[in-house]
Amino acid sequence: MLILLPPSETKRDGGAGEPLDLARLSFAPLTTVRRDVLDAVAVLSRDREASIRALKLGPKQGAEVDRNRAIPTAQTMPALERYTGVLYDALDAPALTAQQRAFAHDNVAVHSALLGLVAAGDPVPAYRLSFDSRLSAERGAPSLKKRWVPAVGDVLAAREGLIVDLRSEGYAALGPVPLRDHVHFVRVLARDENGRTRALNHFNKQAKGLFTRALIEAGVDFAGSGELLDWARAEGYDLSLASGPEAGGGLELVVPEVTGVPGRLMAALR
């Protein structure tokens, strides 16, 4: 099983690991593109104003350019701990046990705009780059999408078994999953008191983080969709195959409508 997560704009500073070494990252076939993107970011970072425009930074976010300049020498930390924000706060990686961390490393990947797919425990530096960032103003320069789609697509196509895609649409577009059995993009929906469902917006990331945490805690390398759905049903999750002409083999995770402050949302998920 492979659980795909989006990254986060916000990241922890620092780390205790050695500087980035591409040879230590999982998904080795991505190394060439990783090096290409890193080189492009290094060139872009020499021009502060161009970087601010390319990264869509605000007037008080100039330190993000310095982060990118420091990538070659910056300390690293495991990917699941590097990212912060709603999804990763809900996942709460620092609280995972050693056994859970090992399971996550084998079964969870974050889709970074800088490094492509990285496993949960891969050592990564702090950086600033998004799926829609432009690495060069030069006409004809390849976009991140042109760089990543072929490479990440090949890696995912070669991955056997169940793939649970929790990425946002922007990151899913940087590496579409193959169209085959047991490969599913997950949508999170809210059900109101009248039974009607709609896309869950504000708490979508939190629900994904909590669900990923539950999968890590379960520690089961599900062989296929049926096993995942059986587990979800037994655990009280409303997870099902999407229906309709545009379902495309997706999964729907439905939670009750939440009003007010949701806390950890766990009661709503199950």
Protein backbone atom coordinates (compact mmCIF):
# COMPACT_ATOMS: atom_id res chain seq x y z
CA MET A 1 0.00 0.00 0.00
CA LEU A 2 1.09 3.53 -0.74
CA ILE A 3 -0.63 6.55 0.83
CA LEU A 4 0.08 9.75 -1.08
CA LEU A 5 -0.02 13.05 0.82
CA PRO A 6 0.31 16.64 -0.33
CA PRO A 7 3.08 18.76 1.23
CA SER A 8 2.42 21.95 3.13
CA GLU A 9 3.43 25.54 2.45
CA THR A 10 4.52 25.78 6.10
CA LYS A 11 7.49 23.82 7.37
CA ARG A 12 9.52 23.48 10.55
CA ASP A 13 12.94 25.12 10.56
CA GLY A 14 16.15 23.36 11.49
CA GLY A 15 16.67 19.66 11.92
CA ALA A 16 19.25 17.26 13.26
CA GLY A 17 20.07 15.44 10.04
CA GLU A 18 22.94 15.92 7.63
CA PRO A 19 22.37 18.17 4.58
CA LEU A 20 20.33 16.86 1.69
CA ASP A 21 21.84 13.83 -0.04
CA LEU A 22 19.80 12.67 -3.01
CA ALA A 23 21.27 9.19 -2.72
CA ARG A 24 19.53 8.77 0.64
CA LEU A 25 16.04 9.50 -0.69
CA SER A 26 13.52 6.84 -1.65
CA PHE A 27 12.16 6.55 -5.20
CA ALA A 28 15.62 6.63 -6.78
CA PRO A 29 14.33 6.96 -10.39
CA LEU A 30 13.44 10.58 -9.53
CA THR A 31 17.07 11.55 -8.85
CA THR A 32 17.75 13.16 -12.23
CA VAL A 33 14.66 15.39 -12.08
CA ARG A 34 15.36 16.21 -8.43
CA ARG A 35 18.82 17.44 -9.36
CA ASP A 36 17.39 19.48 -12.24
CA VAL A 37 14.78 21.17 -10.03
CA LEU A 38 17.31 21.85 -7.27
CA ASP A 39 19.65 23.48 -9.80
CA ALA A 40 16.81 25.64 -11.12
CA VAL A 41 15.86 26.73 -7.59
CA ALA A 42 19.49 27.60 -6.85
CA VAL A 43 19.68 29.81 -9.95
CA LEU A 44 16.34 31.46 -9.17
CA SER A 45 17.39 32.16 -5.58
CA ARG A 46 20.23 34.39 -6.73
CA ASP A 47 17.63 36.98 -7.73
CA ARG A 48 15.55 37.93 -4.69
CA GLU A 49 12.92 39.90 -6.58
CA ALA A 50 12.48 37.20 -9.21
CA SER A 51 12.17 34.61 -6.45
CA ILE A 52 9.50 36.61 -4.67
CA ARG A 53 7.47 36.79 -7.88
CA ALA A 54 8.00 33.14 -8.81
CA LEU A 55 7.11 31.88 -5.34
CA LYS A 56 4.20 34.31 -4.98
CA LEU A 57 5.53 35.65 -1.70
CA GLY A 58 4.15 38.55 0.29
CA PRO A 59 6.17 41.59 1.40
CA LYS A 60 7.08 39.95 4.73
CA GLN A 61 8.06 36.56 3.33
CA GLY A 62 11.53 37.36 2.02
CA ALA A 63 13.04 34.83 4.43
CA GLU A 64 11.62 32.08 2.24
CA VAL A 65 14.14 33.06 -0.44
CA ASP A 66 16.92 32.65 2.12
CA ARG A 67 15.55 29.21 2.93
CA ASN A 68 15.92 28.17 -0.69
CA ARG A 69 19.44 29.60 -0.88
CA ALA A 70 20.40 27.48 2.13
CA ILE A 71 19.03 24.18 0.77
CA PRO A 72 22.46 22.66 -0.09
CA THR A 73 23.82 23.12 3.45
CA ALA A 74 20.64 23.12 5.57
CA GLN A 75 20.03 20.43 8.15
CA THR A 76 17.31 17.91 7.42
CA MET A 77 14.56 16.07 9.27
CA PRO A 78 12.10 13.29 8.33
CA ALA A 79 9.53 14.45 5.78
CA LEU A 80 6.50 13.79 7.99
CA GLU A 81 8.02 16.02 10.67
CA ARG A 82 9.22 18.74 8.32
CA TYR A 83 5.73 19.69 7.15
CA THR A 84 3.30 21.53 9.41
CA GLY A 85 -0.22 22.88 8.97
CA VAL A 86 -3.68 21.41 9.42
CA LEU A 87 -3.11 17.98 7.83
CA TYR A 88 0.23 17.36 9.52
CA ASP A 89 -0.90 18.70 12.89
CA ALA A 90 -3.75 16.17 12.78
CA LEU A 91 -1.40 13.38 11.73
CA ASP A 92 0.92 14.30 14.64
CA ALA A 93 4.04 12.52 13.35
CA PRO A 94 6.24 13.42 16.37
CA ALA A 95 3.97 11.25 18.55
CA LEU A 96 4.37 8.11 16.39
CA THR A 97 6.09 5.11 17.93
CA ALA A 98 9.22 3.63 16.35
CA GLN A 99 7.14 0.81 14.87
CA GLN A 100 4.61 3.26 13.45
CA ARG A 101 7.39 5.39 11.97
CA ALA A 102 8.81 2.34 10.21
CA PHE A 103 5.40 1.46 8.81
CA ALA A 104 4.84 5.04 7.66
CA HIS A 105 8.23 5.12 5.93
CA ASP A 106 7.32 2.04 3.91
CA ASN A 107 3.74 3.04 3.14
CA VAL A 108 3.40 6.85 3.16
CA ALA A 109 4.88 9.32 0.66
CA VAL A 110 4.68 13.10 0.44
CA HIS A 111 4.61 14.68 -3.01
CA SER A 112 7.06 17.57 -2.78
CA ALA A 113 7.29 20.16 -5.55
CA LEU A 114 11.05 20.26 -4.91
CA LEU A 115 11.89 16.55 -4.61
CA GLY A 116 8.94 14.69 -6.08
CA LEU A 117 7.78 11.73 -4.00
CA VAL A 118 9.63 11.35 -0.70
CA ALA A 119 9.00 8.60 1.84
CA ALA A 120 7.76 9.54 5.30
CA GLY A 121 11.17 9.12 6.91
CA ASP A 122 13.29 10.58 4.12
CA PRO A 123 15.53 13.45 5.36
CA VAL A 124 14.50 16.72 3.70
CA PRO A 125 15.48 20.36 4.27
CA ALA A 126 13.17 23.33 4.74
CA TYR A 127 12.32 25.01 1.43
CA ARG A 128 9.65 27.04 -0.34
CA LEU A 129 8.21 25.77 -3.62
CA SER A 130 4.64 25.01 -4.67
CA PHE A 131 3.10 22.98 -7.47
CA ASP A 132 2.35 26.19 -9.39
CA SER A 133 5.67 27.96 -8.79
CA ARG A 134 7.61 29.13 -11.86
CA LEU A 135 11.31 28.33 -11.81
CA SER A 136 12.24 30.60 -14.68
CA ALA A 137 10.83 33.57 -16.55
CA GLU A 138 12.60 32.47 -19.72
CA ARG A 139 10.30 31.57 -22.58
CA GLY A 140 10.18 27.85 -23.17
CA ALA A 141 11.65 26.93 -19.78
CA PRO A 142 10.06 23.69 -18.55
CA SER A 143 7.44 24.05 -15.83
CA LEU A 144 7.35 21.93 -12.70
CA LYS A 145 4.51 19.96 -14.25
CA LYS A 146 6.54 19.15 -17.36
CA ARG A 147 9.45 18.13 -15.18
CA TRP A 148 7.57 15.95 -12.71
CA VAL A 149 4.66 14.34 -14.56
CA PRO A 150 6.66 11.81 -16.63
CA ALA A 151 9.02 10.83 -13.81
CA VAL A 152 6.48 10.58 -10.99
CA GLY A 153 3.97 8.95 -13.33
CA ASP A 154 6.47 6.20 -14.16
CA VAL A 155 7.23 5.60 -10.48
CA LEU A 156 3.56 5.30 -9.59
CA ALA A 157 2.84 3.09 -12.59
CA ALA A 158 5.58 0.71 -11.43
CA ARG A 159 4.21 0.59 -7.87
CA GLU A 160 2.14 -2.55 -7.36
CA GLY A 161 -0.79 -2.89 -5.01
CA LEU A 162 -3.11 -0.37 -3.38
CA ILE A 163 -2.53 3.36 -3.82
CA VAL A 164 -4.59 5.76 -1.66
CA ASP A 165 -4.21 9.25 -3.12
CA LEU A 166 -4.94 11.98 -0.56
CA ARG A 167 -3.13 14.72 -2.49
CA SER A 168 -4.76 17.98 -3.44
CA GLU A 169 -5.66 18.35 -7.11
CA GLY A 170 -2.66 20.61 -7.76
CA TYR A 171 -0.17 18.02 -6.58
CA ALA A 172 -2.07 15.11 -8.10
CA ALA A 173 -1.59 16.89 -11.44
CA LEU A 174 2.21 16.78 -10.94
CA GLY A 175 2.07 12.99 -11.07
CA PRO A 176 -1.27 11.36 -11.94
CA VAL A 177 -1.83 7.90 -10.53
CA PRO A 178 -2.28 5.06 -13.04
CA LEU A 179 -5.83 4.11 -14.04
CA ARG A 180 -6.09 0.57 -12.73
CA ASP A 181 -7.76 -1.44 -10.00
CA HIS A 182 -6.83 -0.61 -6.39
CA VAL A 183 -5.70 2.93 -7.23
CA HIS A 184 -7.98 5.57 -5.74
CA PHE A 185 -8.12 9.35 -5.39
CA VAL A 186 -9.94 10.16 -2.14
CA ARG A 187 -12.49 12.94 -1.74
CA VAL A 188 -13.65 14.02 1.71
CA LEU A 189 -17.34 14.87 1.97
CA ALA A 190 -19.55 16.21 4.73
CA ARG A 191 -23.05 14.88 5.40
CA ASP A 192 -25.59 17.24 6.94
CA GLU A 193 -28.43 16.29 9.27
CA ASN A 194 -30.70 15.71 6.26
CA GLY A 195 -28.32 13.19 4.72
CA ARG A 196 -27.09 15.46 1.94
CA THR A 197 -23.37 15.42 1.13
CA ARG A 198 -21.07 18.16 -0.11
CA ALA A 199 -17.35 18.69 -0.43
CA LEU A 200 -15.70 19.27 2.94
CA ASN A 201 -13.64 22.40 2.52
CA HIS A 202 -12.38 23.99 5.72
CA PHE A 203 -11.74 20.71 7.58
CA ASN A 204 -10.77 18.62 4.55
CA LYS A 205 -7.07 18.58 5.42
CA GLN A 206 -7.73 17.74 9.05
CA ALA A 207 -9.87 14.77 8.07
CA LYS A 208 -7.13 13.51 5.74
CA GLY A 209 -4.50 13.85 8.47
CA LEU A 210 -6.60 11.98 11.01
CA PHE A 211 -7.43 9.23 8.52
CA THR A 212 -3.76 8.81 7.61
CA ARG A 213 -2.87 8.62 11.30
CA ALA A 214 -5.49 5.88 11.74
CA LEU A 215 -4.04 3.90 8.82
CA ILE A 216 -0.54 4.20 10.29
CA GLU A 217 -1.76 3.11 13.72
CA ALA A 218 -3.55 0.13 12.17
CA GLY A 219 -0.24 -0.92 10.63
CA VAL A 220 -1.82 -3.08 7.92
CA ASP A 221 -0.32 -3.18 4.44
CA PHE A 222 -3.63 -3.64 2.66
CA ALA A 223 -3.25 -5.66 -0.52
CA GLY A 224 -6.26 -4.11 -2.25
CA SER A 225 -9.34 -1.96 -2.07
CA GLY A 226 -11.55 -4.67 -0.62
CA GLU A 227 -9.32 -5.14 2.42
CA LEU A 228 -9.17 -1.38 3.01
CA LEU A 229 -12.94 -1.00 2.76
CA ASP A 230 -13.53 -3.96 5.09
CA TRP A 231 -11.16 -2.45 7.66
CA ALA A 232 -12.78 0.98 7.37
CA ARG A 233 -16.25 -0.51 7.86
CA ALA A 234 -15.12 -2.47 10.91
CA GLU A 235 -13.51 0.64 12.40
CA GLY A 236 -16.59 2.77 11.83
CA TYR A 237 -15.35 4.93 8.94
CA ASP A 238 -17.79 5.89 6.19
CA LEU A 239 -15.50 5.03 3.28
CA SER A 240 -16.88 3.75 -0.01
CA LEU A 241 -16.24 3.58 -3.72
CA ALA A 242 -17.56 6.67 -5.45
CA SER A 243 -20.47 6.19 -7.81
CA GLY A 244 -21.64 8.02 -10.90
CA PRO A 245 -20.21 8.69 -14.38
CA GLU A 246 -17.35 10.84 -13.06
CA ALA A 247 -16.37 8.58 -10.16
CA GLY A 248 -13.26 7.29 -11.92
CA GLY A 249 -12.64 4.60 -9.32
CA GLY A 250 -12.31 7.14 -6.53
CA LEU A 251 -13.09 6.71 -2.86
CA GLU A 252 -15.30 8.94 -0.73
CA LEU A 253 -14.65 9.50 2.96
CA VAL A 254 -17.81 10.98 4.49
CA VAL A 255 -17.91 12.74 7.85
CA PRO A 256 -20.83 14.39 9.61
CA GLU A 257 -21.30 18.12 9.12
CA VAL A 258 -19.17 19.91 11.71
CA THR A 259 -20.20 23.17 13.28
CA GLY A 260 -18.17 25.36 15.59
CA VAL A 261 -14.70 24.34 16.74
CA PRO A 262 -14.03 20.73 15.60
CA GLY A 263 -11.25 19.83 18.02
CA ARG A 264 -9.48 16.76 16.56
CA LEU A 265 -12.57 15.77 14.54
CA MET A 266 -12.01 12.11 15.46
CA ALA A 267 -15.56 11.70 16.73
CA ALA A 268 -16.82 13.09 13.43
CA LEU A 269 -14.68 10.77 11.33
CA ARG A 270 -15.92 7.61 13.03
